[in-house]
Amino acid sequence: TAGGEEAERSLAAGQGYFNLLMFREAAIHFRQTVRCSPDSVVARLFLAMSHLHLREWEEAQRHFQLIVRWTGHPKWKALGLNALGCIQAVRANMEQAEHYFQQAFEADPSFDGAARNLTSCRSSVGKLSLYFGSSELSCM
């Protein structure tokens, strides 16, 4: 269908911009993809991650919450929960952040970013170092 082809083109363009770390441009294309194909978890993951990199916390959180609710894919669920943990950590809600990181680790123990973030939250004095998980998207 024309909508499906448009969604594929928008997704490919968005991924190109995302890989170039041009998150604002990437978000425009991912938003278009989600409009054409609202059930595309991959497009929504990229859109949410773009918002995360742009520090647009509310938009990122909204999309990650939908992803976590919709997906049965362990890696995607872990990425969403990890990102929600990062958002909470940025907002200094450390208890909630740790809860999300723990859930992310349980969803997919092979995703080590959540365990690193959990350790960082528990041991950090001063500046917090967080792993968003963007590199996990490069293989999609």
N, C-alpha and C. Protein backbone atom coordinates (compact mmCIF):
# COMPACT_ATOMS: atom_id res chain seq x y z
N THR A 1 0.84 -1.19 0.00
CA THR A 1 0.00 0.00 0.00
C THR A 1 0.88 1.25 0.00
N ALA A 2 0.29 2.35 -0.42
CA ALA A 2 1.02 3.61 -0.48
C ALA A 2 1.46 4.05 0.91
N GLY A 3 0.58 3.87 1.91
CA GLY A 3 0.92 4.24 3.28
C GLY A 3 2.06 3.42 3.83
N GLY A 4 2.07 2.12 3.48
CA GLY A 4 3.14 1.24 3.93
C GLY A 4 4.48 1.60 3.31
N GLU A 5 4.45 1.96 2.02
CA GLU A 5 5.68 2.37 1.34
C GLU A 5 6.19 3.68 1.92
N GLU A 6 5.28 4.60 2.20
CA GLU A 6 5.67 5.88 2.79
C GLU A 6 6.28 5.66 4.18
N ALA A 7 5.67 4.76 4.95
CA ALA A 7 6.19 4.45 6.28
C ALA A 7 7.60 3.87 6.19
N GLU A 8 7.82 2.97 5.22
CA GLU A 8 9.15 2.37 5.04
C GLU A 8 10.19 3.42 4.66
N ARG A 9 9.81 4.33 3.75
CA ARG A 9 10.74 5.39 3.34
C ARG A 9 11.06 6.32 4.51
N SER A 10 10.03 6.69 5.27
CA SER A 10 10.24 7.57 6.42
C SER A 10 11.10 6.91 7.48
N LEU A 11 10.86 5.62 7.72
CA LEU A 11 11.66 4.88 8.70
C LEU A 11 13.13 4.83 8.27
N ALA A 12 13.37 4.51 6.99
CA ALA A 12 14.75 4.43 6.49
C ALA A 12 15.44 5.79 6.58
N ALA A 13 14.73 6.86 6.21
CA ALA A 13 15.32 8.20 6.30
C ALA A 13 15.61 8.56 7.75
N GLY A 14 14.67 8.25 8.63
CA GLY A 14 14.87 8.53 10.05
C GLY A 14 16.06 7.79 10.62
N GLN A 15 16.21 6.52 10.23
CA GLN A 15 17.35 5.74 10.71
C GLN A 15 18.67 6.33 10.21
N GLY A 16 18.67 6.83 8.99
CA GLY A 16 19.87 7.48 8.46
C GLY A 16 20.25 8.69 9.30
N TYR A 17 19.28 9.54 9.57
CA TYR A 17 19.55 10.72 10.42
C TYR A 17 19.95 10.30 11.83
N PHE A 18 19.29 9.29 12.37
CA PHE A 18 19.59 8.81 13.72
C PHE A 18 21.05 8.34 13.80
N ASN A 19 21.48 7.58 12.80
CA ASN A 19 22.86 7.08 12.78
C ASN A 19 23.88 8.20 12.65
N LEU A 20 23.45 9.34 12.09
CA LEU A 20 24.31 10.52 11.99
C LEU A 20 24.19 11.41 13.22
N LEU A 21 23.43 10.94 14.21
CA LEU A 21 23.19 11.67 15.46
C LEU A 21 22.44 12.98 15.23
N MET A 22 21.66 13.03 14.16
CA MET A 22 20.83 14.20 13.84
C MET A 22 19.41 13.90 14.32
N PHE A 23 19.25 13.96 15.64
CA PHE A 23 18.04 13.45 16.28
C PHE A 23 16.79 14.27 15.96
N ARG A 24 16.93 15.59 15.80
CA ARG A 24 15.76 16.41 15.48
C ARG A 24 15.20 16.00 14.12
N GLU A 25 16.08 15.86 13.14
CA GLU A 25 15.66 15.45 11.79
C GLU A 25 15.11 14.03 11.81
N ALA A 26 15.77 13.16 12.57
CA ALA A 26 15.31 11.77 12.69
C ALA A 26 13.89 11.73 13.25
N ALA A 27 13.64 12.52 14.28
CA ALA A 27 12.32 12.52 14.94
C ALA A 27 11.22 12.91 13.96
N ILE A 28 11.50 13.84 13.07
CA ILE A 28 10.50 14.26 12.07
C ILE A 28 10.08 13.05 11.23
N HIS A 29 11.05 12.27 10.78
CA HIS A 29 10.75 11.11 9.93
C HIS A 29 10.09 9.98 10.73
N PHE A 30 10.55 9.76 11.96
CA PHE A 30 9.93 8.71 12.78
C PHE A 30 8.49 9.08 13.14
N ARG A 31 8.24 10.37 13.37
CA ARG A 31 6.87 10.82 13.67
C ARG A 31 5.96 10.51 12.48
N GLN A 32 6.48 10.77 11.28
CA GLN A 32 5.72 10.48 10.05
C GLN A 32 5.47 8.97 9.93
N THR A 33 6.46 8.16 10.26
CA THR A 33 6.31 6.71 10.20
C THR A 33 5.23 6.25 11.17
N VAL A 34 5.26 6.78 12.39
CA VAL A 34 4.27 6.41 13.40
C VAL A 34 2.87 6.85 12.97
N ARG A 35 2.79 8.00 12.29
CA ARG A 35 1.48 8.45 11.78
C ARG A 35 0.93 7.46 10.75
N CYS A 36 1.81 6.99 9.86
CA CYS A 36 1.39 6.04 8.81
C CYS A 36 1.18 4.64 9.36
N SER A 37 1.97 4.28 10.36
CA SER A 37 1.96 2.92 10.90
C SER A 37 2.04 2.98 12.43
N PRO A 38 0.92 3.33 13.09
CA PRO A 38 0.93 3.55 14.54
C PRO A 38 1.33 2.34 15.38
N ASP A 39 1.21 1.14 14.81
CA ASP A 39 1.56 -0.06 15.57
C ASP A 39 3.02 -0.48 15.40
N SER A 40 3.80 0.30 14.65
CA SER A 40 5.21 -0.04 14.43
C SER A 40 6.02 0.25 15.69
N VAL A 41 6.34 -0.81 16.42
CA VAL A 41 7.12 -0.65 17.65
C VAL A 41 8.52 -0.16 17.33
N VAL A 42 9.10 -0.63 16.22
CA VAL A 42 10.45 -0.20 15.84
C VAL A 42 10.48 1.31 15.60
N ALA A 43 9.52 1.82 14.83
CA ALA A 43 9.46 3.27 14.57
C ALA A 43 9.27 4.04 15.86
N ARG A 44 8.41 3.54 16.73
CA ARG A 44 8.15 4.22 18.00
C ARG A 44 9.39 4.18 18.91
N LEU A 45 10.13 3.07 18.87
CA LEU A 45 11.38 2.98 19.64
C LEU A 45 12.37 4.05 19.18
N PHE A 46 12.55 4.15 17.88
CA PHE A 46 13.46 5.16 17.35
C PHE A 46 12.97 6.58 17.66
N LEU A 47 11.67 6.81 17.55
CA LEU A 47 11.12 8.12 17.87
C LEU A 47 11.35 8.46 19.34
N ALA A 48 11.05 7.51 20.20
CA ALA A 48 11.23 7.73 21.64
C ALA A 48 12.70 7.98 21.97
N MET A 49 13.60 7.21 21.36
CA MET A 49 15.03 7.37 21.63
C MET A 49 15.51 8.73 21.10
N SER A 50 14.96 9.17 19.97
CA SER A 50 15.31 10.50 19.45
C SER A 50 14.90 11.57 20.45
N HIS A 51 13.68 11.47 20.98
CA HIS A 51 13.22 12.43 21.99
C HIS A 51 14.12 12.38 23.23
N LEU A 52 14.55 11.19 23.60
CA LEU A 52 15.43 11.05 24.76
C LEU A 52 16.74 11.82 24.54
N HIS A 53 17.33 11.65 23.37
CA HIS A 53 18.58 12.35 23.05
C HIS A 53 18.38 13.87 22.97
N LEU A 54 17.19 14.29 22.59
CA LEU A 54 16.88 15.72 22.52
C LEU A 54 16.47 16.29 23.88
N ARG A 55 16.46 15.43 24.89
CA ARG A 55 16.07 15.80 26.26
C ARG A 55 14.61 16.26 26.33
N GLU A 56 13.81 15.71 25.46
CA GLU A 56 12.36 15.96 25.46
C GLU A 56 11.74 14.83 26.26
N TRP A 57 11.91 14.94 27.59
CA TRP A 57 11.61 13.84 28.51
C TRP A 57 10.15 13.39 28.45
N GLU A 58 9.21 14.33 28.42
CA GLU A 58 7.78 13.95 28.46
C GLU A 58 7.38 13.16 27.22
N GLU A 59 7.81 13.63 26.06
CA GLU A 59 7.49 12.92 24.81
C GLU A 59 8.14 11.55 24.79
N ALA A 60 9.40 11.50 25.20
CA ALA A 60 10.11 10.21 25.24
C ALA A 60 9.38 9.25 26.18
N GLN A 61 9.03 9.75 27.35
CA GLN A 61 8.36 8.90 28.34
C GLN A 61 7.04 8.36 27.82
N ARG A 62 6.27 9.20 27.16
CA ARG A 62 4.97 8.78 26.62
C ARG A 62 5.14 7.60 25.65
N HIS A 63 6.10 7.72 24.75
CA HIS A 63 6.31 6.65 23.76
C HIS A 63 6.89 5.39 24.40
N PHE A 64 7.84 5.56 25.31
CA PHE A 64 8.42 4.37 25.97
C PHE A 64 7.36 3.63 26.80
N GLN A 65 6.45 4.36 27.42
CA GLN A 65 5.39 3.70 28.19
C GLN A 65 4.50 2.87 27.27
N LEU A 66 4.19 3.39 26.09
CA LEU A 66 3.39 2.63 25.12
C LEU A 66 4.14 1.39 24.66
N ILE A 67 5.43 1.54 24.38
CA ILE A 67 6.25 0.41 23.92
C ILE A 67 6.25 -0.70 24.96
N VAL A 68 6.50 -0.33 26.21
CA VAL A 68 6.56 -1.31 27.30
C VAL A 68 5.22 -2.03 27.44
N ARG A 69 4.13 -1.30 27.26
CA ARG A 69 2.80 -1.88 27.38
C ARG A 69 2.48 -2.81 26.21
N TRP A 70 2.92 -2.45 25.00
CA TRP A 70 2.53 -3.18 23.79
C TRP A 70 3.40 -4.38 23.46
N THR A 71 4.70 -4.28 23.68
CA THR A 71 5.59 -5.29 23.11
C THR A 71 5.73 -6.52 23.99
N GLY A 72 5.91 -7.65 23.31
CA GLY A 72 6.23 -8.88 24.01
C GLY A 72 7.69 -9.25 23.78
N HIS A 73 8.39 -8.45 22.99
CA HIS A 73 9.79 -8.69 22.65
C HIS A 73 10.67 -8.28 23.84
N PRO A 74 11.39 -9.22 24.45
CA PRO A 74 12.17 -8.92 25.67
C PRO A 74 13.16 -7.77 25.52
N LYS A 75 13.89 -7.73 24.41
CA LYS A 75 14.90 -6.68 24.21
C LYS A 75 14.23 -5.30 24.12
N TRP A 76 13.12 -5.21 23.39
CA TRP A 76 12.43 -3.93 23.24
C TRP A 76 11.84 -3.47 24.56
N LYS A 77 11.27 -4.44 25.29
CA LYS A 77 10.71 -4.12 26.62
C LYS A 77 11.83 -3.60 27.53
N ALA A 78 12.98 -4.29 27.50
CA ALA A 78 14.12 -3.87 28.33
C ALA A 78 14.61 -2.48 27.94
N LEU A 79 14.68 -2.20 26.63
CA LEU A 79 15.10 -0.87 26.18
C LEU A 79 14.13 0.20 26.68
N GLY A 80 12.84 -0.08 26.59
CA GLY A 80 11.83 0.87 27.05
C GLY A 80 11.91 1.11 28.55
N LEU A 81 12.02 0.04 29.31
CA LEU A 81 12.10 0.17 30.77
C LEU A 81 13.39 0.87 31.18
N ASN A 82 14.50 0.55 30.51
CA ASN A 82 15.77 1.21 30.79
C ASN A 82 15.66 2.71 30.53
N ALA A 83 15.07 3.07 29.40
CA ALA A 83 14.91 4.49 29.06
C ALA A 83 14.03 5.20 30.08
N LEU A 84 12.96 4.54 30.52
CA LEU A 84 12.10 5.13 31.56
C LEU A 84 12.90 5.34 32.84
N GLY A 85 13.81 4.41 33.14
CA GLY A 85 14.69 4.57 34.29
C GLY A 85 15.61 5.76 34.13
N CYS A 86 16.16 5.94 32.93
CA CYS A 86 17.03 7.10 32.66
C CYS A 86 16.28 8.41 32.86
N ILE A 87 15.04 8.45 32.38
CA ILE A 87 14.23 9.67 32.54
C ILE A 87 14.00 9.96 34.01
N GLN A 88 13.70 8.93 34.79
CA GLN A 88 13.49 9.13 36.23
C GLN A 88 14.78 9.56 36.92
N ALA A 89 15.91 8.99 36.51
CA ALA A 89 17.20 9.36 37.10
C ALA A 89 17.53 10.82 36.81
N VAL A 90 17.27 11.26 35.57
CA VAL A 90 17.50 12.65 35.20
C VAL A 90 16.64 13.58 36.06
N ARG A 91 15.46 13.12 36.41
CA ARG A 91 14.54 13.91 37.25
C ARG A 91 14.84 13.73 38.75
N ALA A 92 15.91 12.99 39.06
CA ALA A 92 16.34 12.74 40.44
C ALA A 92 15.34 11.90 41.24
N ASN A 93 14.54 11.10 40.55
CA ASN A 93 13.64 10.13 41.20
C ASN A 93 14.37 8.79 41.22
N MET A 94 15.39 8.70 42.08
CA MET A 94 16.29 7.56 42.04
C MET A 94 15.62 6.23 42.39
N GLU A 95 14.71 6.26 43.33
CA GLU A 95 14.02 5.02 43.71
C GLU A 95 13.23 4.46 42.52
N GLN A 96 12.52 5.35 41.83
CA GLN A 96 11.74 4.94 40.65
C GLN A 96 12.68 4.50 39.52
N ALA A 97 13.79 5.21 39.36
CA ALA A 97 14.77 4.85 38.33
C ALA A 97 15.30 3.44 38.57
N GLU A 98 15.68 3.17 39.81
CA GLU A 98 16.20 1.84 40.15
C GLU A 98 15.16 0.75 39.88
N HIS A 99 13.91 1.06 40.17
CA HIS A 99 12.81 0.11 39.92
C HIS A 99 12.74 -0.22 38.42
N TYR A 100 12.78 0.81 37.57
CA TYR A 100 12.74 0.59 36.12
C TYR A 100 13.96 -0.19 35.63
N PHE A 101 15.15 0.16 36.15
CA PHE A 101 16.36 -0.56 35.72
C PHE A 101 16.29 -2.03 36.11
N GLN A 102 15.76 -2.30 37.30
CA GLN A 102 15.61 -3.69 37.75
C GLN A 102 14.63 -4.43 36.84
N GLN A 103 13.51 -3.78 36.50
CA GLN A 103 12.52 -4.40 35.59
C GLN A 103 13.14 -4.66 34.22
N ALA A 104 13.95 -3.72 33.73
CA ALA A 104 14.60 -3.88 32.43
C ALA A 104 15.54 -5.08 32.44
N PHE A 105 16.30 -5.21 33.52
CA PHE A 105 17.22 -6.35 33.64
C PHE A 105 16.44 -7.66 33.67
N GLU A 106 15.32 -7.68 34.38
CA GLU A 106 14.49 -8.89 34.46
C GLU A 106 13.84 -9.21 33.12
N ALA A 107 13.47 -8.18 32.35
CA ALA A 107 12.84 -8.39 31.04
C ALA A 107 13.81 -9.04 30.05
N ASP A 108 15.09 -8.62 30.13
CA ASP A 108 16.10 -9.19 29.24
C ASP A 108 17.47 -9.11 29.91
N PRO A 109 17.85 -10.17 30.62
CA PRO A 109 19.14 -10.17 31.33
C PRO A 109 20.36 -9.98 30.42
N SER A 110 20.20 -10.23 29.11
CA SER A 110 21.33 -10.04 28.19
C SER A 110 21.58 -8.56 27.89
N PHE A 111 20.62 -7.70 28.21
CA PHE A 111 20.79 -6.25 28.02
C PHE A 111 21.49 -5.71 29.27
N ASP A 112 22.81 -5.51 29.16
CA ASP A 112 23.58 -5.15 30.35
C ASP A 112 23.53 -3.66 30.69
N GLY A 113 22.96 -2.84 29.82
CA GLY A 113 22.86 -1.41 30.10
C GLY A 113 22.07 -1.12 31.36
N ALA A 114 21.01 -1.88 31.58
CA ALA A 114 20.16 -1.66 32.76
C ALA A 114 20.93 -1.98 34.04
N ALA A 115 21.71 -3.05 34.02
CA ALA A 115 22.51 -3.41 35.21
C ALA A 115 23.56 -2.35 35.49
N ARG A 116 24.19 -1.83 34.42
CA ARG A 116 25.18 -0.75 34.60
C ARG A 116 24.51 0.49 35.18
N ASN A 117 23.33 0.84 34.68
CA ASN A 117 22.62 2.02 35.19
C ASN A 117 22.21 1.83 36.64
N LEU A 118 21.77 0.63 36.97
CA LEU A 118 21.38 0.32 38.35
C LEU A 118 22.58 0.50 39.28
N THR A 119 23.72 -0.02 38.88
CA THR A 119 24.95 0.14 39.67
C THR A 119 25.33 1.61 39.79
N SER A 120 25.22 2.34 38.70
CA SER A 120 25.55 3.76 38.70
C SER A 120 24.65 4.54 39.66
N CYS A 121 23.36 4.22 39.66
CA CYS A 121 22.41 4.89 40.56
C CYS A 121 22.75 4.61 42.02
N ARG A 122 23.11 3.39 42.30
CA ARG A 122 23.35 2.98 43.69
C ARG A 122 24.69 3.47 44.22
N SER A 123 25.65 3.67 43.34
CA SER A 123 26.99 4.01 43.82
C SER A 123 27.41 5.44 43.49
N SER A 124 26.60 6.14 42.74
CA SER A 124 27.01 7.45 42.24
C SER A 124 27.01 8.52 43.32
N VAL A 125 28.13 9.19 43.38
CA VAL A 125 28.24 10.39 44.20
C VAL A 125 28.58 11.49 43.21
N GLY A 126 27.68 12.46 43.08
CA GLY A 126 27.91 13.52 42.10
C GLY A 126 27.27 13.20 40.77
N LYS A 127 28.05 13.32 39.70
CA LYS A 127 27.51 13.16 38.35
C LYS A 127 27.17 11.70 38.04
N LEU A 128 25.99 11.52 37.49
CA LEU A 128 25.48 10.19 37.16
C LEU A 128 25.80 9.87 35.70
N SER A 129 26.28 8.67 35.44
CA SER A 129 26.56 8.23 34.08
C SER A 129 25.49 7.22 33.67
N LEU A 130 24.71 7.55 32.63
CA LEU A 130 23.60 6.69 32.20
C LEU A 130 23.82 6.17 30.79
N TYR A 131 23.40 4.94 30.56
CA TYR A 131 23.44 4.30 29.25
C TYR A 131 22.02 4.23 28.72
N PHE A 132 21.73 5.01 27.66
CA PHE A 132 20.38 5.05 27.09
C PHE A 132 20.02 3.76 26.37
N GLY A 133 20.98 3.17 25.66
CA GLY A 133 20.70 1.97 24.89
C GLY A 133 20.58 2.21 23.40
N SER A 134 20.94 3.40 22.93
CA SER A 134 20.83 3.73 21.51
C SER A 134 21.58 2.77 20.61
N SER A 135 22.74 2.30 21.06
CA SER A 135 23.53 1.41 20.21
C SER A 135 22.80 0.10 19.94
N GLU A 136 21.87 -0.26 20.79
CA GLU A 136 21.07 -1.48 20.59
C GLU A 136 20.18 -1.35 19.35
N LEU A 137 19.85 -0.11 18.97
CA LEU A 137 18.96 0.10 17.83
C LEU A 137 19.68 -0.04 16.50
N SER A 138 21.00 0.01 16.52
CA SER A 138 21.75 -0.04 15.26
C SER A 138 21.58 -1.36 14.53
N CYS A 139 21.18 -2.40 15.25
CA CYS A 139 21.02 -3.72 14.60
C CYS A 139 19.59 -3.96 14.13
N MET A 140 18.74 -2.96 14.16
CA MET A 140 17.34 -3.13 13.73
C MET A 140 17.18 -2.75 12.28
